[in-house]
């Protein structure tokens, strides 16, 4: 029996997915959760696969995925979302998710994707797979150029931020001050020609700087 846990802050969708899973002969829903605050307790149900909503209260789906992979590496995670933008796709995959699918995916496909991930595969909707392909096809020499512009310390900071650490956590991790982190971030923005942390992270992932 394939065991699945569902994380979604919308009760109606939780019940709908639970009904779908429990109506499938070889799959059982072992838990439904409206937040990711206490993952260790939630995952005591020992799921093989987790369906994770990307937009969760308090702890978002990407952060939760990273935590799941740290605590229970064998659990497979499929991110479910209404978003198909590049940054969220790659942050999810970097966090360790085996799949990234849209909430508009048909019930038949959801079951297929769960089975595929359980059997060792990685899944995406065709439209998302196309984005991934185009994303990496456009990296060519940009990665090398951008990587050369950043200092070792700036790459370290960008790497930690990409892993989900806050400015304060980065400062503590590298034993530097919060203001020093801020100073490095400003230089990173200038060198990468971006205006936000999201843009910096997206560019770093796209061009394999981190």
N, C-alpha and C. Protein backbone atom coordinates (compact mmCIF):
# COMPACT_ATOMS: atom_id res chain seq x y z
N UNK A 1 0.84 -1.21 0.00
CA UNK A 1 0.00 0.00 0.00
C UNK A 1 0.88 1.25 0.00
N UNK A 2 0.62 2.14 -0.95
CA UNK A 2 1.37 3.38 -1.07
C UNK A 2 0.73 4.43 -0.15
N UNK A 3 1.49 4.95 0.79
CA UNK A 3 0.95 5.88 1.79
C UNK A 3 1.29 7.34 1.41
N UNK A 4 0.27 8.19 1.45
CA UNK A 4 0.43 9.59 1.05
C UNK A 4 -0.10 10.52 2.13
N UNK A 5 0.65 11.59 2.41
CA UNK A 5 0.19 12.65 3.31
C UNK A 5 -0.01 13.92 2.48
N UNK A 6 -1.02 14.70 2.85
CA UNK A 6 -1.36 15.91 2.10
C UNK A 6 -1.24 17.14 2.98
N UNK A 7 -0.56 18.17 2.48
CA UNK A 7 -0.46 19.45 3.17
C UNK A 7 -1.11 20.52 2.29
N UNK A 8 -2.17 21.12 2.78
CA UNK A 8 -2.86 22.18 2.03
C UNK A 8 -3.68 22.99 3.02
N UNK A 9 -3.64 24.32 2.92
CA UNK A 9 -4.36 25.14 3.90
C UNK A 9 -5.83 25.33 3.53
N UNK A 10 -6.26 24.76 2.42
CA UNK A 10 -7.67 24.85 2.02
C UNK A 10 -8.35 23.52 2.33
N UNK A 11 -9.24 23.55 3.30
CA UNK A 11 -9.89 22.33 3.78
C UNK A 11 -10.61 21.57 2.67
N UNK A 12 -11.28 22.30 1.79
CA UNK A 12 -12.03 21.67 0.71
C UNK A 12 -11.12 20.86 -0.20
N UNK A 13 -9.96 21.42 -0.51
CA UNK A 13 -9.03 20.70 -1.38
C UNK A 13 -8.43 19.49 -0.66
N UNK A 14 -8.15 19.64 0.62
CA UNK A 14 -7.65 18.51 1.42
C UNK A 14 -8.61 17.33 1.34
N UNK A 15 -9.88 17.60 1.56
CA UNK A 15 -10.88 16.53 1.56
C UNK A 15 -11.04 15.92 0.17
N UNK A 16 -10.96 16.77 -0.86
CA UNK A 16 -11.08 16.29 -2.23
C UNK A 16 -9.92 15.36 -2.59
N UNK A 17 -8.71 15.76 -2.22
CA UNK A 17 -7.54 14.92 -2.50
C UNK A 17 -7.57 13.63 -1.68
N UNK A 18 -7.99 13.74 -0.44
CA UNK A 18 -8.09 12.54 0.41
C UNK A 18 -9.08 11.54 -0.20
N UNK A 19 -10.20 12.04 -0.66
CA UNK A 19 -11.21 11.17 -1.29
C UNK A 19 -10.63 10.50 -2.54
N UNK A 20 -9.90 11.29 -3.35
CA UNK A 20 -9.28 10.74 -4.56
C UNK A 20 -8.31 9.62 -4.21
N UNK A 21 -7.45 9.85 -3.23
CA UNK A 21 -6.44 8.86 -2.86
C UNK A 21 -7.07 7.60 -2.27
N UNK A 22 -8.02 7.82 -1.36
CA UNK A 22 -8.65 6.66 -0.70
C UNK A 22 -9.56 5.88 -1.66
N UNK A 23 -9.90 6.50 -2.78
CA UNK A 23 -10.72 5.81 -3.78
C UNK A 23 -9.86 5.01 -4.76
N UNK A 24 -8.54 5.15 -4.61
CA UNK A 24 -7.62 4.43 -5.48
C UNK A 24 -7.14 3.17 -4.75
N UNK A 25 -7.30 2.04 -5.37
CA UNK A 25 -7.13 0.74 -4.72
C UNK A 25 -5.83 0.57 -3.95
N UNK A 26 -4.71 0.97 -4.51
CA UNK A 26 -3.41 0.68 -3.92
C UNK A 26 -2.80 1.86 -3.18
N UNK A 27 -3.60 2.96 -2.97
CA UNK A 27 -3.09 4.16 -2.31
C UNK A 27 -3.95 4.48 -1.09
N UNK A 28 -3.29 4.94 -0.03
CA UNK A 28 -4.02 5.32 1.18
C UNK A 28 -3.53 6.68 1.67
N UNK A 29 -4.48 7.57 1.98
CA UNK A 29 -4.13 8.85 2.59
C UNK A 29 -3.94 8.63 4.08
N UNK A 30 -2.74 8.86 4.58
CA UNK A 30 -2.45 8.59 5.99
C UNK A 30 -2.45 9.85 6.84
N UNK A 31 -2.67 11.01 6.22
CA UNK A 31 -2.71 12.24 7.00
C UNK A 31 -3.02 13.46 6.15
N UNK A 32 -3.81 14.39 6.71
CA UNK A 32 -4.09 15.67 6.05
C UNK A 32 -3.76 16.79 7.03
N UNK A 33 -3.07 17.82 6.54
CA UNK A 33 -2.58 18.87 7.43
C UNK A 33 -2.75 20.25 6.80
N UNK A 34 -3.18 21.21 7.60
CA UNK A 34 -3.42 22.56 7.11
C UNK A 34 -2.24 23.51 7.36
N UNK A 35 -1.18 23.01 7.98
CA UNK A 35 0.04 23.80 8.16
C UNK A 35 1.23 22.86 8.32
N UNK A 36 2.43 23.46 8.27
CA UNK A 36 3.67 22.66 8.34
C UNK A 36 4.47 22.99 9.59
N UNK A 37 3.79 23.49 10.62
CA UNK A 37 4.49 23.97 11.80
C UNK A 37 5.24 22.85 12.54
N UNK A 38 4.58 21.71 12.73
CA UNK A 38 5.21 20.60 13.46
C UNK A 38 5.34 19.39 12.54
N UNK A 39 6.33 19.43 11.69
CA UNK A 39 6.48 18.39 10.67
C UNK A 39 6.79 17.02 11.26
N UNK A 40 7.63 16.99 12.29
CA UNK A 40 7.98 15.69 12.87
C UNK A 40 6.75 14.96 13.39
N UNK A 41 5.86 15.70 14.03
CA UNK A 41 4.63 15.12 14.53
C UNK A 41 3.71 14.70 13.38
N UNK A 42 3.61 15.57 12.38
CA UNK A 42 2.75 15.28 11.23
C UNK A 42 3.21 14.04 10.47
N UNK A 43 4.52 13.90 10.34
CA UNK A 43 5.06 12.80 9.54
C UNK A 43 5.22 11.51 10.33
N UNK A 44 4.69 11.50 11.54
CA UNK A 44 4.67 10.25 12.32
C UNK A 44 3.79 9.21 11.64
N UNK A 45 2.95 9.66 10.71
CA UNK A 45 2.09 8.75 9.94
C UNK A 45 2.89 7.97 8.90
N UNK A 46 4.18 8.29 8.74
CA UNK A 46 5.13 7.58 7.88
C UNK A 46 4.67 7.47 6.42
N UNK A 47 4.45 8.60 5.76
CA UNK A 47 4.06 8.56 4.35
C UNK A 47 5.23 8.19 3.45
N UNK A 48 4.92 7.60 2.32
CA UNK A 48 5.93 7.36 1.29
C UNK A 48 6.09 8.60 0.41
N UNK A 49 4.96 9.29 0.20
CA UNK A 49 4.92 10.48 -0.65
C UNK A 49 4.14 11.57 0.06
N UNK A 50 4.61 12.81 -0.08
CA UNK A 50 3.91 13.97 0.45
C UNK A 50 3.48 14.87 -0.70
N UNK A 51 2.19 15.23 -0.71
CA UNK A 51 1.70 16.26 -1.62
C UNK A 51 1.74 17.57 -0.85
N UNK A 52 2.56 18.51 -1.30
CA UNK A 52 2.81 19.73 -0.53
C UNK A 52 2.35 20.97 -1.29
N UNK A 53 1.43 21.71 -0.70
CA UNK A 53 1.02 23.00 -1.27
C UNK A 53 2.16 23.99 -1.07
N UNK A 54 2.47 24.77 -2.09
CA UNK A 54 3.59 25.70 -1.98
C UNK A 54 3.27 26.89 -1.09
N UNK A 55 1.99 27.30 -1.06
CA UNK A 55 1.60 28.47 -0.26
C UNK A 55 0.90 27.99 1.00
N UNK A 56 1.70 27.81 2.05
CA UNK A 56 1.19 27.37 3.34
C UNK A 56 1.40 28.47 4.39
N UNK A 57 0.53 28.57 5.40
CA UNK A 57 0.69 29.60 6.43
C UNK A 57 1.87 29.29 7.35
N UNK A 58 2.51 30.34 7.83
CA UNK A 58 3.63 30.24 8.79
C UNK A 58 4.89 29.64 8.18
N UNK A 59 4.84 28.40 7.74
CA UNK A 59 5.98 27.74 7.08
C UNK A 59 5.56 27.39 5.67
N UNK A 60 6.20 28.01 4.67
CA UNK A 60 5.78 27.77 3.29
C UNK A 60 6.20 26.39 2.81
N UNK A 61 5.63 25.96 1.69
CA UNK A 61 5.86 24.62 1.18
C UNK A 61 7.30 24.32 0.80
N UNK A 62 8.01 25.31 0.29
CA UNK A 62 9.41 25.10 -0.10
C UNK A 62 10.28 24.88 1.14
N UNK A 63 10.08 25.71 2.15
CA UNK A 63 10.82 25.54 3.41
C UNK A 63 10.48 24.20 4.04
N UNK A 64 9.21 23.83 4.02
CA UNK A 64 8.78 22.55 4.59
C UNK A 64 9.41 21.39 3.84
N UNK A 65 9.51 21.50 2.54
CA UNK A 65 10.13 20.45 1.73
C UNK A 65 11.59 20.27 2.12
N UNK A 66 12.28 21.38 2.31
CA UNK A 66 13.68 21.32 2.72
C UNK A 66 13.81 20.64 4.08
N UNK A 67 12.89 20.93 4.98
CA UNK A 67 12.91 20.32 6.31
C UNK A 67 12.60 18.82 6.24
N UNK A 68 11.64 18.46 5.41
CA UNK A 68 11.29 17.04 5.25
C UNK A 68 12.49 16.26 4.74
N UNK A 69 13.17 16.81 3.75
CA UNK A 69 14.32 16.13 3.16
C UNK A 69 15.48 16.01 4.15
N UNK A 70 15.55 16.96 5.07
CA UNK A 70 16.59 16.91 6.10
C UNK A 70 16.26 15.86 7.15
N UNK A 71 15.00 15.79 7.53
CA UNK A 71 14.57 14.86 8.58
C UNK A 71 14.36 13.44 8.06
N UNK A 72 13.72 13.35 6.88
CA UNK A 72 13.35 12.04 6.32
C UNK A 72 13.67 12.00 4.83
N UNK A 73 14.93 11.79 4.46
CA UNK A 73 15.35 11.84 3.05
C UNK A 73 14.61 10.86 2.13
N UNK A 74 14.09 9.78 2.70
CA UNK A 74 13.43 8.78 1.86
C UNK A 74 12.02 9.17 1.44
N UNK A 75 11.43 10.15 2.12
CA UNK A 75 10.08 10.59 1.76
C UNK A 75 10.14 11.40 0.47
N UNK A 76 9.30 11.07 -0.48
CA UNK A 76 9.23 11.78 -1.74
C UNK A 76 8.25 12.95 -1.61
N UNK A 77 8.60 14.08 -2.20
CA UNK A 77 7.74 15.26 -2.10
C UNK A 77 7.35 15.77 -3.49
N UNK A 78 6.05 15.99 -3.66
CA UNK A 78 5.54 16.61 -4.87
C UNK A 78 4.93 17.95 -4.49
N UNK A 79 5.47 19.03 -5.03
CA UNK A 79 4.92 20.36 -4.79
C UNK A 79 3.70 20.56 -5.68
N UNK A 80 2.62 21.03 -5.08
CA UNK A 80 1.42 21.39 -5.85
C UNK A 80 1.20 22.89 -5.74
N UNK A 81 0.91 23.52 -6.86
CA UNK A 81 0.82 24.98 -6.85
C UNK A 81 0.00 25.50 -8.03
N UNK A 82 -0.41 26.75 -7.91
CA UNK A 82 -1.04 27.42 -9.05
C UNK A 82 0.01 28.23 -9.80
N UNK A 83 1.24 28.27 -9.26
CA UNK A 83 2.31 29.06 -9.86
C UNK A 83 3.16 28.21 -10.80
N UNK A 84 3.56 28.80 -11.92
CA UNK A 84 4.49 28.10 -12.80
C UNK A 84 5.66 29.01 -13.18
N UNK A 85 6.00 29.97 -12.27
CA UNK A 85 7.11 30.87 -12.56
C UNK A 85 8.44 30.20 -12.22
N UNK A 86 9.47 30.64 -12.93
CA UNK A 86 10.78 30.00 -12.86
C UNK A 86 11.36 29.93 -11.45
N UNK A 87 11.27 31.04 -10.71
CA UNK A 87 11.90 31.08 -9.39
C UNK A 87 11.34 30.00 -8.47
N UNK A 88 10.02 29.88 -8.41
CA UNK A 88 9.41 28.89 -7.50
C UNK A 88 9.70 27.46 -7.95
N UNK A 89 9.73 27.24 -9.27
CA UNK A 89 10.06 25.91 -9.77
C UNK A 89 11.43 25.49 -9.29
N UNK A 90 12.42 26.35 -9.48
CA UNK A 90 13.78 25.95 -9.17
C UNK A 90 14.10 25.97 -7.68
N UNK A 91 13.44 26.83 -6.93
CA UNK A 91 13.61 26.79 -5.48
C UNK A 91 13.03 25.49 -4.93
N UNK A 92 11.92 25.04 -5.50
CA UNK A 92 11.31 23.77 -5.07
C UNK A 92 12.23 22.60 -5.37
N UNK A 93 12.79 22.57 -6.56
CA UNK A 93 13.67 21.47 -6.95
C UNK A 93 14.96 21.51 -6.13
N UNK A 94 15.45 22.71 -5.86
CA UNK A 94 16.67 22.84 -5.05
C UNK A 94 16.41 22.37 -3.62
N UNK A 95 15.18 22.57 -3.14
CA UNK A 95 14.82 22.13 -1.80
C UNK A 95 14.74 20.61 -1.70
N UNK A 96 14.70 19.95 -2.85
CA UNK A 96 14.70 18.48 -2.84
C UNK A 96 13.44 17.83 -3.35
N UNK A 97 12.47 18.61 -3.81
CA UNK A 97 11.21 18.04 -4.31
C UNK A 97 11.46 17.17 -5.53
N UNK A 98 10.76 16.04 -5.58
CA UNK A 98 10.85 15.15 -6.74
C UNK A 98 9.86 15.52 -7.84
N UNK A 99 8.93 16.41 -7.49
CA UNK A 99 7.94 16.81 -8.49
C UNK A 99 7.42 18.21 -8.24
N UNK A 100 6.95 18.84 -9.30
CA UNK A 100 6.37 20.17 -9.22
C UNK A 100 5.22 20.18 -10.22
N UNK A 101 3.99 20.15 -9.71
CA UNK A 101 2.83 20.06 -10.59
C UNK A 101 1.81 21.14 -10.27
N UNK A 102 1.02 21.49 -11.25
CA UNK A 102 0.00 22.51 -11.07
C UNK A 102 -1.26 21.91 -10.45
N UNK A 103 -1.99 22.75 -9.71
CA UNK A 103 -3.21 22.27 -9.06
C UNK A 103 -4.30 21.96 -10.08
N UNK A 104 -4.12 22.44 -11.29
CA UNK A 104 -5.09 22.16 -12.34
C UNK A 104 -4.90 20.78 -12.96
N UNK A 105 -3.87 20.05 -12.50
CA UNK A 105 -3.60 18.70 -13.00
C UNK A 105 -4.80 17.79 -12.77
N UNK A 106 -5.14 16.98 -13.74
CA UNK A 106 -6.28 16.08 -13.63
C UNK A 106 -6.05 15.03 -12.55
N UNK A 107 -7.13 14.52 -11.99
CA UNK A 107 -7.03 13.48 -10.95
C UNK A 107 -6.25 12.28 -11.43
N UNK A 108 -6.48 11.89 -12.66
CA UNK A 108 -5.77 10.74 -13.23
C UNK A 108 -4.27 10.97 -13.25
N UNK A 109 -3.87 12.18 -13.63
CA UNK A 109 -2.45 12.51 -13.69
C UNK A 109 -1.83 12.60 -12.29
N UNK A 110 -2.60 13.13 -11.33
CA UNK A 110 -2.09 13.23 -9.95
C UNK A 110 -1.72 11.83 -9.44
N UNK A 111 -2.61 10.88 -9.67
CA UNK A 111 -2.34 9.50 -9.25
C UNK A 111 -1.12 8.94 -9.97
N UNK A 112 -1.03 9.21 -11.26
CA UNK A 112 0.11 8.73 -12.04
C UNK A 112 1.42 9.33 -11.53
N UNK A 113 1.40 10.64 -11.24
CA UNK A 113 2.60 11.32 -10.76
C UNK A 113 3.04 10.78 -9.40
N UNK A 114 2.07 10.51 -8.53
CA UNK A 114 2.40 9.93 -7.22
C UNK A 114 3.08 8.58 -7.40
N UNK A 115 2.54 7.76 -8.28
CA UNK A 115 3.12 6.43 -8.54
C UNK A 115 4.52 6.56 -9.14
N UNK A 116 4.68 7.48 -10.07
CA UNK A 116 5.98 7.68 -10.72
C UNK A 116 7.05 8.09 -9.72
N UNK A 117 6.71 9.04 -8.85
CA UNK A 117 7.66 9.51 -7.83
C UNK A 117 7.98 8.39 -6.84
N UNK A 118 6.97 7.66 -6.44
CA UNK A 118 7.17 6.54 -5.51
C UNK A 118 8.12 5.50 -6.09
N UNK A 119 8.06 5.34 -7.40
CA UNK A 119 8.91 4.35 -8.08
C UNK A 119 10.26 4.92 -8.52
N UNK A 120 10.59 6.10 -8.01
CA UNK A 120 11.92 6.64 -8.27
C UNK A 120 12.02 7.69 -9.35
N UNK A 121 10.90 8.11 -9.89
CA UNK A 121 10.93 9.09 -10.97
C UNK A 121 10.84 10.51 -10.45
N UNK A 122 10.90 11.46 -11.40
CA UNK A 122 10.72 12.88 -11.10
C UNK A 122 9.64 13.37 -12.05
N UNK A 123 8.70 14.16 -11.53
CA UNK A 123 7.55 14.52 -12.35
C UNK A 123 7.34 16.02 -12.44
N UNK A 124 6.82 16.43 -13.62
CA UNK A 124 6.44 17.81 -13.87
C UNK A 124 5.35 17.81 -14.93
N UNK A 125 4.50 18.82 -14.88
CA UNK A 125 3.57 19.02 -15.99
C UNK A 125 4.37 19.36 -17.24
N UNK A 126 3.90 19.03 -18.42
CA UNK A 126 4.63 19.33 -19.66
C UNK A 126 5.01 20.81 -19.78
N UNK A 127 4.12 21.72 -19.39
CA UNK A 127 4.42 23.14 -19.50
C UNK A 127 5.57 23.54 -18.59
N UNK A 128 5.65 22.93 -17.42
CA UNK A 128 6.73 23.22 -16.48
C UNK A 128 8.04 22.62 -16.98
N UNK A 129 7.96 21.39 -17.51
CA UNK A 129 9.16 20.74 -18.07
C UNK A 129 9.75 21.58 -19.19
N UNK A 130 8.88 22.19 -20.00
CA UNK A 130 9.35 23.05 -21.09
C UNK A 130 10.07 24.27 -20.54
N UNK A 131 9.53 24.84 -19.46
CA UNK A 131 10.19 25.99 -18.83
C UNK A 131 11.58 25.62 -18.33
N UNK A 132 11.68 24.44 -17.72
CA UNK A 132 12.96 23.98 -17.19
C UNK A 132 13.97 23.82 -18.32
N UNK A 133 13.53 23.23 -19.42
CA UNK A 133 14.42 23.02 -20.57
C UNK A 133 14.92 24.35 -21.12
N UNK A 134 14.01 25.30 -21.32
CA UNK A 134 14.39 26.61 -21.85
C UNK A 134 15.30 27.34 -20.86
N UNK A 135 14.98 27.18 -19.58
CA UNK A 135 15.75 27.83 -18.52
C UNK A 135 17.22 27.47 -18.61
N UNK A 136 17.51 26.18 -18.74
CA UNK A 136 18.90 25.73 -18.77
C UNK A 136 19.54 25.89 -20.15
N UNK A 137 18.74 25.94 -21.19
CA UNK A 137 19.30 26.14 -22.52
C UNK A 137 19.83 27.55 -22.70
N UNK A 138 19.41 28.47 -21.84
CA UNK A 138 19.81 29.87 -21.98
C UNK A 138 20.96 30.28 -21.06
N UNK A 139 21.59 29.31 -20.42
CA UNK A 139 22.64 29.66 -19.46
C UNK A 139 23.99 29.94 -20.14
N UNK A 140 24.35 29.17 -21.15
CA UNK A 140 25.63 29.21 -21.89
C UNK A 140 26.77 29.87 -21.12
N UNK A 141 27.22 31.04 -21.58
CA UNK A 141 28.40 31.65 -20.95
C UNK A 141 28.05 32.60 -19.80
N UNK A 142 26.75 32.83 -19.60
CA UNK A 142 26.34 33.79 -18.57
C UNK A 142 26.80 33.35 -17.19
N UNK A 143 26.70 32.06 -16.92
CA UNK A 143 27.08 31.53 -15.61
C UNK A 143 28.52 31.86 -15.28
N UNK A 144 29.40 31.62 -16.23
CA UNK A 144 30.82 31.87 -16.00
C UNK A 144 31.07 33.35 -15.76
N UNK A 145 30.43 34.20 -16.55
CA UNK A 145 30.63 35.64 -16.43
C UNK A 145 30.17 36.15 -15.07
N UNK A 146 28.97 35.74 -14.66
CA UNK A 146 28.43 36.20 -13.38
C UNK A 146 29.24 35.65 -12.21
N UNK A 147 29.64 34.40 -12.32
CA UNK A 147 30.41 33.77 -11.26
C UNK A 147 31.74 34.49 -11.05
N UNK A 148 32.35 34.94 -12.13
CA UNK A 148 33.63 35.64 -12.05
C UNK A 148 33.48 36.99 -11.37
N UNK A 149 32.30 37.61 -11.49
CA UNK A 149 32.09 38.94 -10.93
C UNK A 149 31.91 38.92 -9.41
N UNK A 150 31.38 37.82 -8.88
CA UNK A 150 31.13 37.73 -7.44
C UNK A 150 32.36 37.24 -6.68
N UNK A 151 32.57 37.79 -5.50
CA UNK A 151 33.67 37.33 -4.65
C UNK A 151 33.28 36.00 -3.97
N UNK A 152 34.23 35.34 -3.38
CA UNK A 152 33.96 34.09 -2.67
C UNK A 152 32.95 34.31 -1.56
N UNK A 153 33.11 35.40 -0.80
CA UNK A 153 32.19 35.70 0.30
C UNK A 153 30.78 35.98 -0.22
N UNK A 154 30.69 36.71 -1.32
CA UNK A 154 29.37 37.01 -1.90
C UNK A 154 28.67 35.73 -2.37
N UNK A 155 29.44 34.80 -2.92
CA UNK A 155 28.86 33.52 -3.33
C UNK A 155 28.39 32.72 -2.12
N UNK A 156 29.17 32.78 -1.04
CA UNK A 156 28.78 32.08 0.19
C UNK A 156 27.45 32.60 0.71
N UNK A 157 27.33 33.93 0.74
CA UNK A 157 26.11 34.56 1.25
C UNK A 157 24.93 34.23 0.34
N UNK A 158 25.13 34.31 -0.95
CA UNK A 158 24.06 34.01 -1.90
C UNK A 158 23.62 32.56 -1.78
N UNK A 159 24.59 31.67 -1.58
CA UNK A 159 24.28 30.25 -1.42
C UNK A 159 23.41 30.02 -0.18
N UNK A 160 23.75 30.65 0.93
CA UNK A 160 22.99 30.49 2.17
C UNK A 160 21.59 31.08 2.04
N UNK A 161 21.48 32.20 1.36
CA UNK A 161 20.17 32.81 1.15
C UNK A 161 19.30 31.94 0.25
N UNK A 162 19.91 31.32 -0.72
CA UNK A 162 19.20 30.40 -1.61
C UNK A 162 18.69 29.19 -0.86
N UNK A 163 19.42 28.80 0.19
CA UNK A 163 19.00 27.68 1.02
C UNK A 163 17.90 28.05 2.02
N UNK A 164 17.50 29.33 1.99
CA UNK A 164 16.38 29.75 2.82
C UNK A 164 16.74 30.44 4.12
N UNK A 165 18.03 30.71 4.35
CA UNK A 165 18.44 31.38 5.59
C UNK A 165 18.10 32.87 5.53
N UNK A 166 17.76 33.44 6.67
CA UNK A 166 17.50 34.88 6.76
C UNK A 166 18.84 35.62 6.86
N UNK A 167 18.79 36.95 6.74
CA UNK A 167 20.01 37.75 6.86
C UNK A 167 20.68 37.51 8.20
N UNK A 168 19.89 37.46 9.27
CA UNK A 168 20.45 37.24 10.61
C UNK A 168 21.10 35.86 10.72
N UNK A 169 20.46 34.86 10.12
CA UNK A 169 21.00 33.51 10.16
C UNK A 169 22.30 33.42 9.35
N UNK A 170 22.34 34.12 8.22
CA UNK A 170 23.57 34.16 7.41
C UNK A 170 24.70 34.78 8.22
N UNK A 171 24.40 35.88 8.90
CA UNK A 171 25.40 36.57 9.71
C UNK A 171 25.95 35.64 10.79
N UNK A 172 25.06 34.92 11.46
CA UNK A 172 25.49 34.00 12.52
C UNK A 172 26.29 32.85 11.94
N UNK A 173 25.86 32.34 10.80
CA UNK A 173 26.53 31.20 10.17
C UNK A 173 27.95 31.54 9.75
N UNK A 174 28.15 32.76 9.25
CA UNK A 174 29.46 33.18 8.76
C UNK A 174 30.25 33.98 9.79
N UNK A 175 29.66 34.17 10.97
CA UNK A 175 30.30 34.92 12.05
C UNK A 175 30.66 36.34 11.61
N UNK A 176 29.70 37.00 10.97
CA UNK A 176 29.87 38.40 10.57
C UNK A 176 28.64 39.16 11.07
N UNK A 177 28.66 40.48 10.98
CA UNK A 177 27.54 41.27 11.47
C UNK A 177 26.41 41.34 10.44
N UNK A 178 25.22 41.67 10.95
CA UNK A 178 24.05 41.84 10.09
C UNK A 178 24.31 42.94 9.06
N UNK A 179 24.95 44.03 9.48
CA UNK A 179 25.25 45.14 8.58
C UNK A 179 26.22 44.72 7.47
N UNK A 180 27.15 43.83 7.82
CA UNK A 180 28.10 43.33 6.81
C UNK A 180 27.37 42.51 5.76
N UNK A 181 26.41 41.70 6.21
CA UNK A 181 25.60 40.93 5.26
C UNK A 181 24.85 41.88 4.33
N UNK A 182 24.24 42.92 4.92
CA UNK A 182 23.52 43.90 4.11
C UNK A 182 24.42 44.56 3.07
N UNK A 183 25.63 44.87 3.47
CA UNK A 183 26.59 45.49 2.56
C UNK A 183 26.92 44.57 1.40
N UNK A 184 27.13 43.28 1.71
CA UNK A 184 27.43 42.31 0.66
C UNK A 184 26.23 42.14 -0.28
N UNK A 185 25.03 42.14 0.28
CA UNK A 185 23.82 41.98 -0.53
C UNK A 185 23.69 43.12 -1.54
N UNK A 186 23.97 44.33 -1.10
CA UNK A 186 23.90 45.49 -2.01
C UNK A 186 24.88 45.32 -3.17
N UNK A 187 26.07 44.81 -2.87
CA UNK A 187 27.08 44.60 -3.92
C UNK A 187 26.63 43.49 -4.88
N UNK A 188 26.01 42.45 -4.31
CA UNK A 188 25.50 41.35 -5.14
C UNK A 188 24.44 41.87 -6.10
N UNK A 189 23.51 42.70 -5.58
CA UNK A 189 22.47 43.28 -6.42
C UNK A 189 23.08 44.08 -7.58
N UNK A 190 24.10 44.88 -7.26
CA UNK A 190 24.75 45.71 -8.27
C UNK A 190 25.42 44.86 -9.35
N UNK A 191 26.15 43.83 -8.92
CA UNK A 191 26.89 43.00 -9.87
C UNK A 191 25.97 42.15 -10.75
N UNK A 192 24.83 41.72 -10.16
CA UNK A 192 23.91 40.88 -10.92
C UNK A 192 22.84 41.71 -11.64
N UNK A 193 22.85 43.03 -11.39
CA UNK A 193 21.85 43.94 -11.99
C UNK A 193 20.43 43.52 -11.65
N UNK A 194 20.18 43.30 -10.36
CA UNK A 194 18.84 42.93 -9.89
C UNK A 194 18.42 43.90 -8.78
N UNK A 195 17.12 43.85 -8.44
CA UNK A 195 16.59 44.79 -7.45
C UNK A 195 15.96 44.11 -6.24
N UNK A 196 16.00 42.78 -6.21
CA UNK A 196 15.39 42.08 -5.08
C UNK A 196 16.11 40.76 -4.83
N UNK A 197 15.89 40.22 -3.65
CA UNK A 197 16.49 38.94 -3.29
C UNK A 197 15.95 37.83 -4.18
N UNK A 198 14.65 37.89 -4.47
CA UNK A 198 14.05 36.88 -5.34
C UNK A 198 14.71 36.84 -6.70
N UNK A 199 14.98 38.01 -7.27
CA UNK A 199 15.64 38.07 -8.57
C UNK A 199 17.06 37.51 -8.48
N UNK A 200 17.77 37.87 -7.41
CA UNK A 200 19.14 37.39 -7.22
C UNK A 200 19.19 35.87 -7.12
N UNK A 201 18.28 35.32 -6.33
CA UNK A 201 18.23 33.86 -6.15
C UNK A 201 17.88 33.17 -7.46
N UNK A 202 16.87 33.70 -8.15
CA UNK A 202 16.45 33.11 -9.42
C UNK A 202 17.59 33.11 -10.43
N UNK A 203 18.31 34.24 -10.51
CA UNK A 203 19.44 34.35 -11.44
C UNK A 203 20.57 33.41 -11.04
N UNK A 204 20.81 33.29 -9.76
CA UNK A 204 21.88 32.41 -9.26
C UNK A 204 21.59 30.95 -9.59
N UNK A 205 20.33 30.56 -9.40
CA UNK A 205 19.96 29.18 -9.68
C UNK A 205 19.99 28.91 -11.18
N UNK A 206 19.43 29.84 -11.94
CA UNK A 206 19.37 29.68 -13.39
C UNK A 206 20.76 29.52 -13.98
N UNK A 207 21.70 30.30 -13.48
CA UNK A 207 23.06 30.30 -14.05
C UNK A 207 24.03 29.45 -13.25
N UNK A 208 23.48 28.64 -12.33
CA UNK A 208 24.27 27.66 -11.57
C UNK A 208 25.43 28.29 -10.82
N UNK A 209 25.18 29.48 -10.26
CA UNK A 209 26.21 30.15 -9.47
C UNK A 209 26.28 29.51 -8.09
N UNK A 210 25.15 28.97 -7.61
CA UNK A 210 25.10 28.32 -6.30
C UNK A 210 24.68 26.87 -6.45
